[in-house]
Amino acid sequence: YVPWHWHEEFEILAVETGIARVFVNGTDYIVKQGEGLFVNAGALHRVWPEGAEVCFLRSVVFHPRLVGGSVDSILWQKYLEPLLSDPCRPCVHFAGVQEWERSASKAIQDAWQTCVSEAEGFEFEVREQLSRLIFLLAKYCPAIEKKPSEKTLRDGERIKIMLQYIQEHYDGELTLAKIAGSAAISENECLRCFRSMIGSTPIQYVKQVRIQRAAELLISTDRKISDIGAECGLQEMSYFAKTFRTLKGCTPGEFRKRNVHLTENH
């Protein structure tokens, strides 16, 4: 589970096993094994497993400058700038229906494998593979002359500010008033913005962030479960366990055993 977030880098995803449900700027994508996805810079997105099967993703996050160089370069002006400045292209799904989509998914897999191998000069090869992907996007997914409404753009900026605030303060006391105040809006406007943009309430999102962070610590460390809960803003062990079970379908202890085993064997 990857909660709602955004970043100024591009992100490319490839599903290795299972099925992923990816939400990008209000649109729902079902990405199956062997398929890929491009997420544009600044796009609000989250990733959820679809169904009971374990889903493994390969994800590469990279800055547009890696491919385009400086803003004065012909590569930037011809290929990167049109992509970055297009609000109608927050995401592209490579479903594999067309040949170019299969080529794009292969470029993602190749970039990942090249990074893993770290052979001599692998950085040049990765840049070449990512450049191929950007070229395919430019050639087969041209810009659309249609802009989102001012209200949608305003809500998008507000939600980013509030999500950033939550990400930075999830380990402390968070209230609706504090979250709304971070974007200088009323509590009612905060609730409306959250429901409109991500289909959740602010407090529900806080729970998701805390539980996701706790899940990461359960897998990556051997610290006591109660200490992990406290660090993630869930001091009451019974509440931590109940909330974790609601969102993950099992207790923190069960989650640790199950996922550490899967990670070690993958």
C-alpha atoms as a PDB file:
ATOM      1  CA  TYR A   1       0.000   0.000   0.000  1.00  0.00           C
ATOM      2  CA  VAL A   2       1.428   3.367  -1.054  1.00  0.00           C
ATOM      3  CA  PRO A   3      -0.697   6.253   0.314  1.00  0.00           C
ATOM      4  CA  TRP A   4      -1.552   9.429  -1.571  1.00  0.00           C
ATOM      5  CA  HIS A   5       1.547  11.458  -2.390  1.00  0.00           C
ATOM      6  CA  TRP A   6       3.250  13.374  -5.167  1.00  0.00           C
ATOM      7  CA  HIS A   7       6.740  14.514  -6.112  1.00  0.00           C
ATOM      8  CA  GLU A   8       8.443  16.711  -8.675  1.00  0.00           C
ATOM      9  CA  GLU A   9      10.098  13.710 -10.324  1.00  0.00           C
ATOM     10  CA  PHE A  10       8.658  11.333 -12.915  1.00  0.00           C
ATOM     11  CA  GLU A  11       7.707   7.860 -11.700  1.00  0.00           C
ATOM     12  CA  ILE A  12       7.428   4.703 -13.768  1.00  0.00           C
ATOM     13  CA  LEU A  13       5.876   1.494 -12.467  1.00  0.00           C
ATOM     14  CA  ALA A  14       5.925  -2.074 -13.742  1.00  0.00           C
ATOM     15  CA  VAL A  15       3.842  -4.824 -12.130  1.00  0.00           C
ATOM     16  CA  GLU A  16       5.892  -7.970 -11.668  1.00  0.00           C
ATOM     17  CA  THR A  17       3.246 -10.141  -9.997  1.00  0.00           C
ATOM     18  CA  GLY A  18      -0.386  -9.634  -9.074  1.00  0.00           C
ATOM     19  CA  ILE A  19      -2.584  -6.666  -9.954  1.00  0.00           C
ATOM     20  CA  ALA A  20      -2.205  -3.054  -8.796  1.00  0.00           C
ATOM     21  CA  ARG A  21      -4.942  -0.442  -8.544  1.00  0.00           C
ATOM     22  CA  VAL A  22      -3.387   2.964  -9.110  1.00  0.00           C
ATOM     23  CA  PHE A  23      -5.284   6.211  -8.537  1.00  0.00           C
ATOM     24  CA  VAL A  24      -3.860   9.275 -10.290  1.00  0.00           C
ATOM     25  CA  ASN A  25      -5.515  12.704 -10.028  1.00  0.00           C
ATOM     26  CA  GLY A  26      -8.937  11.138  -9.527  1.00  0.00           C
ATOM     27  CA  THR A  27      -8.661   8.435 -12.222  1.00  0.00           C
ATOM     28  CA  ASP A  28      -8.514   4.738 -11.392  1.00  0.00           C
ATOM     29  CA  TYR A  29      -6.145   2.429 -13.322  1.00  0.00           C
ATOM     30  CA  ILE A  30      -5.969  -1.356 -13.063  1.00  0.00           C
ATOM     31  CA  VAL A  31      -2.397  -2.380 -13.909  1.00  0.00           C
ATOM     32  CA  LYS A  32      -1.868  -6.105 -14.451  1.00  0.00           C
ATOM     33  CA  GLN A  33       1.232  -8.271 -14.446  1.00  0.00           C
ATOM     34  CA  GLY A  34       3.558  -7.262 -17.278  1.00  0.00           C
ATOM     35  CA  GLU A  35       1.943  -3.839 -17.720  1.00  0.00           C
ATOM     36  CA  GLY A  36       3.430  -0.457 -16.870  1.00  0.00           C
ATOM     37  CA  LEU A  37       2.461   3.060 -15.875  1.00  0.00           C
ATOM     38  CA  PHE A  38       3.966   6.534 -16.200  1.00  0.00           C
ATOM     39  CA  VAL A  39       3.131   9.137 -13.528  1.00  0.00           C
ATOM     40  CA  ASN A  40       3.891  12.733 -14.432  1.00  0.00           C
ATOM     41  CA  ALA A  41       5.657  15.175 -12.138  1.00  0.00           C
ATOM     42  CA  GLY A  42       3.348  16.730  -9.554  1.00  0.00           C
ATOM     43  CA  ALA A  43       0.519  14.229 -10.113  1.00  0.00           C
ATOM     44  CA  LEU A  44      -1.279  13.096  -6.959  1.00  0.00           C
ATOM     45  CA  HIS A  45      -1.282   9.284  -6.818  1.00  0.00           C
ATOM     46  CA  ARG A  46      -1.525   6.197  -4.642  1.00  0.00           C
ATOM     47  CA  VAL A  47      -1.092   2.451  -5.233  1.00  0.00           C
ATOM     48  CA  TRP A  48      -3.264  -0.328  -3.787  1.00  0.00           C
ATOM     49  CA  PRO A  49      -3.160  -4.097  -4.354  1.00  0.00           C
ATOM     50  CA  GLU A  50      -6.178  -5.410  -6.226  1.00  0.00           C
ATOM     51  CA  GLY A  51      -7.568  -8.654  -4.834  1.00  0.00           C
ATOM     52  CA  ALA A  52      -6.022 -11.075  -2.356  1.00  0.00           C
ATOM     53  CA  GLU A  53      -2.936 -11.958  -4.385  1.00  0.00           C
ATOM     54  CA  VAL A  54       0.356 -10.396  -3.320  1.00  0.00           C
ATOM     55  CA  CYS A  55       1.386  -7.621  -5.688  1.00  0.00           C
ATOM     56  CA  PHE A  56       5.038  -6.751  -6.352  1.00  0.00           C
ATOM     57  CA  LEU A  57       5.940  -3.542  -8.176  1.00  0.00           C
ATOM     58  CA  ARG A  58       9.099  -2.243  -9.739  1.00  0.00           C
ATOM     59  CA  SER A  59       9.238   1.536  -9.352  1.00  0.00           C
ATOM     60  CA  VAL A  60      11.786   3.991 -10.742  1.00  0.00           C
ATOM     61  CA  VAL A  61      11.628   7.663  -9.743  1.00  0.00           C
ATOM     62  CA  PHE A  62      13.828  10.073 -11.698  1.00  0.00           C
ATOM     63  CA  HIS A  63      14.133  13.790 -12.317  1.00  0.00           C
ATOM     64  CA  PRO A  64      13.295  15.049 -15.837  1.00  0.00           C
ATOM     65  CA  ARG A  65      16.785  16.594 -16.047  1.00  0.00           C
ATOM     66  CA  LEU A  66      18.271  13.089 -16.190  1.00  0.00           C
ATOM     67  CA  VAL A  67      16.802  12.771 -19.687  1.00  0.00           C
ATOM     68  CA  GLY A  68      16.359  16.383 -20.800  1.00  0.00           C
ATOM     69  CA  GLY A  69      19.458  18.042 -19.391  1.00  0.00           C
ATOM     70  CA  SER A  70      19.172  21.805 -18.885  1.00  0.00           C
ATOM     71  CA  VAL A  71      16.011  23.790 -19.685  1.00  0.00           C
ATOM     72  CA  ASP A  72      17.865  25.376 -22.617  1.00  0.00           C
ATOM     73  CA  SER A  73      18.532  22.078 -24.366  1.00  0.00           C
ATOM     74  CA  ILE A  74      16.589  20.969 -27.452  1.00  0.00           C
ATOM     75  CA  LEU A  75      15.702  17.730 -25.637  1.00  0.00           C
ATOM     76  CA  TRP A  76      14.074  19.648 -22.804  1.00  0.00           C
ATOM     77  CA  GLN A  77      12.174  22.069 -25.020  1.00  0.00           C
ATOM     78  CA  LYS A  78      11.017  19.498 -27.566  1.00  0.00           C
ATOM     79  CA  TYR A  79      10.195  16.507 -25.351  1.00  0.00           C
ATOM     80  CA  LEU A  80      10.249  17.297 -21.616  1.00  0.00           C
ATOM     81  CA  GLU A  81       8.605  20.705 -21.371  1.00  0.00           C
ATOM     82  CA  PRO A  82       5.450  19.706 -23.330  1.00  0.00           C
ATOM     83  CA  LEU A  83       5.049  16.694 -21.054  1.00  0.00           C
ATOM     84  CA  LEU A  84       5.678  18.564 -17.802  1.00  0.00           C
ATOM     85  CA  SER A  85       3.369  21.449 -18.685  1.00  0.00           C
ATOM     86  CA  ASP A  86       0.440  19.290 -19.839  1.00  0.00           C
ATOM     87  CA  PRO A  87      -2.185  19.079 -17.048  1.00  0.00           C
ATOM     88  CA  CYS A  88      -4.165  16.578 -19.127  1.00  0.00           C
ATOM     89  CA  ARG A  89      -1.402  13.970 -19.015  1.00  0.00           C
ATOM     90  CA  PRO A  90      -0.928  13.178 -15.321  1.00  0.00           C
ATOM     91  CA  CYS A  91      -0.574   9.497 -16.153  1.00  0.00           C
ATOM     92  CA  VAL A  92      -0.201   7.055 -19.058  1.00  0.00           C
ATOM     93  CA  HIS A  93      -1.107   3.374 -18.742  1.00  0.00           C
ATOM     94  CA  PHE A  94       0.913   0.953 -20.855  1.00  0.00           C
ATOM     95  CA  ALA A  95      -1.674  -1.809 -21.153  1.00  0.00           C
ATOM     96  CA  GLY A  96       0.225  -3.728 -23.829  1.00  0.00           C
ATOM     97  CA  VAL A  97      -2.543  -3.474 -26.423  1.00  0.00           C
ATOM     98  CA  GLN A  98      -0.299  -1.684 -28.918  1.00  0.00           C
ATOM     99  CA  GLU A  99       3.302  -2.411 -29.811  1.00  0.00           C
ATOM    100  CA  TRP A 100       4.567   0.925 -28.487  1.00  0.00           C
ATOM    101  CA  GLU A 101       2.960   0.198 -25.094  1.00  0.00           C
ATOM    102  CA  ARG A 102       4.824  -3.104 -24.898  1.00  0.00           C
ATOM    103  CA  SER A 103       8.023  -1.276 -25.826  1.00  0.00           C
ATOM    104  CA  ALA A 104       7.389   1.254 -23.047  1.00  0.00           C
ATOM    105  CA  SER A 105       6.842  -1.483 -20.455  1.00  0.00           C
ATOM    106  CA  LYS A 106      10.031  -3.191 -21.620  1.00  0.00           C
ATOM    107  CA  ALA A 107      11.948   0.068 -21.200  1.00  0.00           C
ATOM    108  CA  ILE A 108      10.780   0.241 -17.574  1.00  0.00           C
ATOM    109  CA  GLN A 109      11.854  -3.342 -16.900  1.00  0.00           C
ATOM    110  CA  ASP A 110      15.194  -2.789 -18.647  1.00  0.00           C
ATOM    111  CA  ALA A 111      15.875   0.365 -16.639  1.00  0.00           C
ATOM    112  CA  TRP A 112      15.139  -1.487 -13.406  1.00  0.00           C
ATOM    113  CA  GLN A 113      17.304  -4.489 -14.258  1.00  0.00           C
ATOM    114  CA  THR A 114      20.164  -2.252 -15.358  1.00  0.00           C
ATOM    115  CA  CYS A 115      20.024  -0.390 -12.039  1.00  0.00           C
ATOM    116  CA  VAL A 116      20.072  -3.689 -10.157  1.00  0.00           C
ATOM    117  CA  SER A 117      23.055  -5.040 -12.100  1.00  0.00           C
ATOM    118  CA  GLU A 118      25.211  -1.915 -11.593  1.00  0.00           C
ATOM    119  CA  ALA A 119      27.543  -3.057 -14.354  1.00  0.00           C
ATOM    120  CA  GLU A 120      30.251  -0.651 -15.448  1.00  0.00           C
ATOM    121  CA  GLY A 121      28.664   2.356 -17.129  1.00  0.00           C
ATOM    122  CA  PHE A 122      25.142   1.278 -16.145  1.00  0.00           C
ATOM    123  CA  GLU A 123      24.146   4.915 -15.579  1.00  0.00           C
ATOM    124  CA  PHE A 124      24.454   5.638 -19.296  1.00  0.00           C
ATOM    125  CA  GLU A 125      22.321   2.617 -20.160  1.00  0.00           C
ATOM    126  CA  VAL A 126      19.609   3.609 -17.683  1.00  0.00           C
ATOM    127  CA  ARG A 127      19.488   7.106 -19.133  1.00  0.00           C
ATOM    128  CA  GLU A 128      19.180   5.621 -22.623  1.00  0.00           C
ATOM    129  CA  GLN A 129      16.274   3.390 -21.567  1.00  0.00           C
ATOM    130  CA  LEU A 130      14.461   6.246 -19.831  1.00  0.00           C
ATOM    131  CA  SER A 131      15.042   8.475 -22.880  1.00  0.00           C
ATOM    132  CA  ARG A 132      13.428   5.808 -25.066  1.00  0.00           C
ATOM    133  CA  LEU A 133      10.387   5.814 -22.775  1.00  0.00           C
ATOM    134  CA  ILE A 134      10.040   9.612 -22.929  1.00  0.00           C
ATOM    135  CA  PHE A 135      10.317   9.519 -26.722  1.00  0.00           C
ATOM    136  CA  LEU A 136       7.519   6.931 -26.930  1.00  0.00           C
ATOM    137  CA  LEU A 137       5.318   9.169 -24.763  1.00  0.00           C
ATOM    138  CA  ALA A 138       6.059  12.194 -26.937  1.00  0.00           C
ATOM    139  CA  LYS A 139       5.351  10.288 -30.155  1.00  0.00           C
ATOM    140  CA  TYR A 140       2.245   8.330 -29.206  1.00  0.00           C
ATOM    141  CA  CYS A 141       0.670  10.469 -26.439  1.00  0.00           C
ATOM    142  CA  PRO A 142       0.704  14.046 -27.761  1.00  0.00           C
ATOM    143  CA  ALA A 143      -0.554  16.945 -25.650  1.00  0.00           C
ATOM    144  CA  ILE A 144      -4.310  17.511 -25.481  1.00  0.00           C
ATOM    145  CA  GLU A 145      -5.554  21.082 -25.863  1.00  0.00           C
ATOM    146  CA  LYS A 146      -7.791  21.005 -22.807  1.00  0.00           C
ATOM    147  CA  LYS A 147      -7.127  22.383 -19.354  1.00  0.00           C
ATOM    148  CA  PRO A 148      -8.714  21.437 -16.020  1.00  0.00           C
ATOM    149  CA  SER A 149     -11.003  24.003 -14.402  1.00  0.00           C
ATOM    150  CA  GLU A 150      -9.594  26.664 -12.082  1.00  0.00           C
ATOM    151  CA  LYS A 151     -11.427  25.004  -9.191  1.00  0.00           C
ATOM    152  CA  THR A 152      -9.774  21.647  -9.894  1.00  0.00           C
ATOM    153  CA  LEU A 153      -6.346  23.247 -10.107  1.00  0.00           C
ATOM    154  CA  ARG A 154      -6.949  25.174  -6.860  1.00  0.00           C
ATOM    155  CA  ASP A 155      -8.144  22.054  -5.042  1.00  0.00           C
ATOM    156  CA  GLY A 156      -5.110  20.178  -6.309  1.00  0.00           C
ATOM    157  CA  GLU A 157      -2.713  22.742  -4.859  1.00  0.00           C
ATOM    158  CA  ARG A 158      -4.570  22.837  -1.537  1.00  0.00           C
ATOM    159  CA  ILE A 159      -4.618  19.076  -1.121  1.00  0.00           C
ATOM    160  CA  LYS A 160      -0.893  18.872  -1.823  1.00  0.00           C
ATOM    161  CA  ILE A 161      -0.174  21.418   0.905  1.00  0.00           C
ATOM    162  CA  MET A 162      -2.309  19.516   3.418  1.00  0.00           C
ATOM    163  CA  LEU A 163      -0.909  16.094   2.506  1.00  0.00           C
ATOM    164  CA  GLN A 164       2.610  17.461   2.859  1.00  0.00           C
ATOM    165  CA  TYR A 165       1.721  18.812   6.292  1.00  0.00           C
ATOM    166  CA  ILE A 166       0.375  15.411   7.343  1.00  0.00           C
ATOM    167  CA  GLN A 167       3.472  13.618   6.030  1.00  0.00           C
ATOM    168  CA  GLU A 168       5.672  15.928   8.110  1.00  0.00           C
ATOM    169  CA  HIS A 169       3.607  15.731  11.324  1.00  0.00           C
ATOM    170  CA  TYR A 170       2.002  12.255  11.304  1.00  0.00           C
ATOM    171  CA  ASP A 171       3.939  11.267  14.441  1.00  0.00           C
ATOM    172  CA  GLY A 172       2.328  14.001  16.547  1.00  0.00           C
ATOM    173  CA  GLU A 173      -1.170  15.210  17.353  1.00  0.00           C
ATOM    174  CA  LEU A 174      -3.113  16.003  14.193  1.00  0.00           C
ATOM    175  CA  THR A 175      -6.555  17.562  14.162  1.00  0.00           C
ATOM    176  CA  LEU A 176      -8.891  18.718  11.423  1.00  0.00           C
ATOM    177  CA  ALA A 177      -8.249  22.321  12.473  1.00  0.00           C
ATOM    178  CA  LYS A 178      -4.461  21.944  12.142  1.00  0.00           C
ATOM    179  CA  ILE A 179      -4.718  20.262   8.760  1.00  0.00           C
ATOM    180  CA  ALA A 180      -7.099  22.916   7.411  1.00  0.00           C
ATOM    181  CA  GLY A 181      -4.938  25.666   8.877  1.00  0.00           C
ATOM    182  CA  SER A 182      -1.892  24.444   6.983  1.00  0.00           C
ATOM    183  CA  ALA A 183      -3.641  25.457   3.728  1.00  0.00           C
ATOM    184  CA  ALA A 184      -5.332  28.549   5.248  1.00  0.00           C
ATOM    185  CA  ILE A 185      -8.853  27.226   4.633  1.00  0.00           C
ATOM    186  CA  SER A 186     -11.858  26.412   6.826  1.00  0.00           C
ATOM    187  CA  GLU A 187     -12.506  22.965   8.253  1.00  0.00           C
ATOM    188  CA  ASN A 188     -15.562  22.519   6.009  1.00  0.00           C
ATOM    189  CA  GLU A 189     -13.526  23.462   2.937  1.00  0.00           C
ATOM    190  CA  CYS A 190     -10.826  21.042   4.052  1.00  0.00           C
ATOM    191  CA  LEU A 191     -13.351  18.195   4.278  1.00  0.00           C
ATOM    192  CA  ARG A 192     -14.807  19.055   0.868  1.00  0.00           C
ATOM    193  CA  CYS A 193     -11.372  19.204  -0.717  1.00  0.00           C
ATOM    194  CA  PHE A 194     -10.345  15.804   0.667  1.00  0.00           C
ATOM    195  CA  ARG A 195     -13.583  14.134  -0.420  1.00  0.00           C
ATOM    196  CA  SER A 196     -13.375  15.714  -3.879  1.00  0.00           C
ATOM    197  CA  MET A 197      -9.716  14.940  -4.572  1.00  0.00           C
ATOM    198  CA  ILE A 198      -8.997  11.626  -2.843  1.00  0.00           C
ATOM    199  CA  GLY A 199     -12.376  10.310  -1.668  1.00  0.00           C
ATOM    200  CA  SER A 200     -11.381  10.262   1.983  1.00  0.00           C
ATOM    201  CA  THR A 201     -11.541  12.408   5.102  1.00  0.00           C
ATOM    202  CA  PRO A 202      -8.407  14.055   6.501  1.00  0.00           C
ATOM    203  CA  ILE A 203      -8.417  11.834   9.597  1.00  0.00           C
ATOM    204  CA  GLN A 204      -8.820   8.684   7.514  1.00  0.00           C
ATOM    205  CA  TYR A 205      -5.815   9.742   5.469  1.00  0.00           C
ATOM    206  CA  VAL A 206      -3.807  10.354   8.659  1.00  0.00           C
ATOM    207  CA  LYS A 207      -4.577   6.785   9.736  1.00  0.00           C
ATOM    208  CA  GLN A 208      -3.435   5.442   6.362  1.00  0.00           C
ATOM    209  CA  VAL A 209      -0.139   7.334   6.547  1.00  0.00           C
ATOM    210  CA  ARG A 210       0.541   6.172  10.100  1.00  0.00           C
ATOM    211  CA  ILE A 211      -0.274   2.545   9.383  1.00  0.00           C
ATOM    212  CA  GLN A 212       1.765   2.558   6.179  1.00  0.00           C
ATOM    213  CA  ARG A 213       4.775   3.947   8.018  1.00  0.00           C
ATOM    214  CA  ALA A 214       4.292   1.369  10.775  1.00  0.00           C
ATOM    215  CA  ALA A 215       4.111  -1.403   8.158  1.00  0.00           C
ATOM    216  CA  GLU A 216       7.417  -0.256   6.667  1.00  0.00           C
ATOM    217  CA  LEU A 217       9.091  -0.293  10.090  1.00  0.00           C
ATOM    218  CA  LEU A 218       7.670  -3.730  10.917  1.00  0.00           C
ATOM    219  CA  ILE A 219       9.358  -5.156   7.827  1.00  0.00           C
ATOM    220  CA  SER A 220      12.614  -3.201   7.865  1.00  0.00           C
ATOM    221  CA  THR A 221      13.406  -3.323  11.604  1.00  0.00           C
ATOM    222  CA  ASP A 222      13.134  -5.731  14.547  1.00  0.00           C
ATOM    223  CA  ARG A 223      11.946  -3.063  16.956  1.00  0.00           C
ATOM    224  CA  LYS A 224       9.132  -3.752  19.413  1.00  0.00           C
ATOM    225  CA  ILE A 225       5.674  -3.382  17.924  1.00  0.00           C
ATOM    226  CA  SER A 226       4.544  -1.027  20.673  1.00  0.00           C
ATOM    227  CA  ASP A 227       7.544   1.259  20.031  1.00  0.00           C
ATOM    228  CA  ILE A 228       6.731   1.365  16.331  1.00  0.00           C
ATOM    229  CA  GLY A 229       3.135   2.293  17.055  1.00  0.00           C
ATOM    230  CA  ALA A 230       4.193   5.109  19.376  1.00  0.00           C
ATOM    231  CA  GLU A 231       6.650   6.474  16.811  1.00  0.00           C
ATOM    232  CA  CYS A 232       3.880   6.579  14.217  1.00  0.00           C
ATOM    233  CA  GLY A 233       1.519   8.572  16.427  1.00  0.00           C
ATOM    234  CA  LEU A 234      -0.432   5.539  17.697  1.00  0.00           C
ATOM    235  CA  GLN A 235       0.549   5.348  21.355  1.00  0.00           C
ATOM    236  CA  GLU A 236      -2.387   3.189  22.480  1.00  0.00           C
ATOM    237  CA  MET A 237      -1.413  -0.388  21.611  1.00  0.00           C
ATOM    238  CA  SER A 238      -5.008  -1.606  21.436  1.00  0.00           C
ATOM    239  CA  TYR A 239      -5.975   1.228  19.073  1.00  0.00           C
ATOM    240  CA  PHE A 240      -2.859   0.631  16.990  1.00  0.00           C
ATOM    241  CA  ALA A 241      -3.671  -3.079  16.633  1.00  0.00           C
ATOM    242  CA  LYS A 242      -7.337  -2.400  15.820  1.00  0.00           C
ATOM    243  CA  THR A 243      -6.543   0.264  13.215  1.00  0.00           C
ATOM    244  CA  PHE A 244      -3.808  -1.872  11.677  1.00  0.00           C
ATOM    245  CA  ARG A 245      -6.148  -4.856  11.348  1.00  0.00           C
ATOM    246  CA  THR A 246      -8.843  -2.677   9.770  1.00  0.00           C
ATOM    247  CA  LEU A 247      -6.498  -1.359   7.073  1.00  0.00           C
ATOM    248  CA  LYS A 248      -4.219  -4.363   6.550  1.00  0.00           C
ATOM    249  CA  GLY A 249      -6.483  -7.276   7.397  1.00  0.00           C
ATOM    250  CA  CYS A 250      -4.189  -8.713  10.081  1.00  0.00           C
ATOM    251  CA  THR A 251      -2.403  -7.772  13.306  1.00  0.00           C
ATOM    252  CA  PRO A 252       0.985  -5.992  13.245  1.00  0.00           C
ATOM    253  CA  GLY A 253       2.687  -9.207  14.412  1.00  0.00           C
ATOM    254  CA  GLU A 254       1.053 -11.296  11.679  1.00  0.00           C
ATOM    255  CA  PHE A 255       1.958  -8.678   9.097  1.00  0.00           C
ATOM    256  CA  ARG A 256       5.611  -8.735  10.152  1.00  0.00           C
ATOM    257  CA  LYS A 257       5.878 -12.518   9.938  1.00  0.00           C
ATOM    258  CA  ARG A 258       4.084 -12.749   6.605  1.00  0.00           C
ATOM    259  CA  ASN A 259       5.884  -9.945   4.793  1.00  0.00           C
ATOM    260  CA  VAL A 260       9.389 -10.501   6.113  1.00  0.00           C
ATOM    261  CA  HIS A 261       9.064 -14.076   4.863  1.00  0.00           C
ATOM    262  CA  LEU A 262       7.816 -12.918   1.443  1.00  0.00           C
ATOM    263  CA  THR A 263      10.567 -10.303   1.116  1.00  0.00           C
ATOM    264  CA  GLU A 264      13.313 -12.778   2.017  1.00  0.00           C
ATOM    265  CA  ASN A 265      12.072 -15.245  -0.571  1.00  0.00           C
ATOM    266  CA  HIS A 266      11.402 -12.808  -3.385  1.00  0.00           C
END
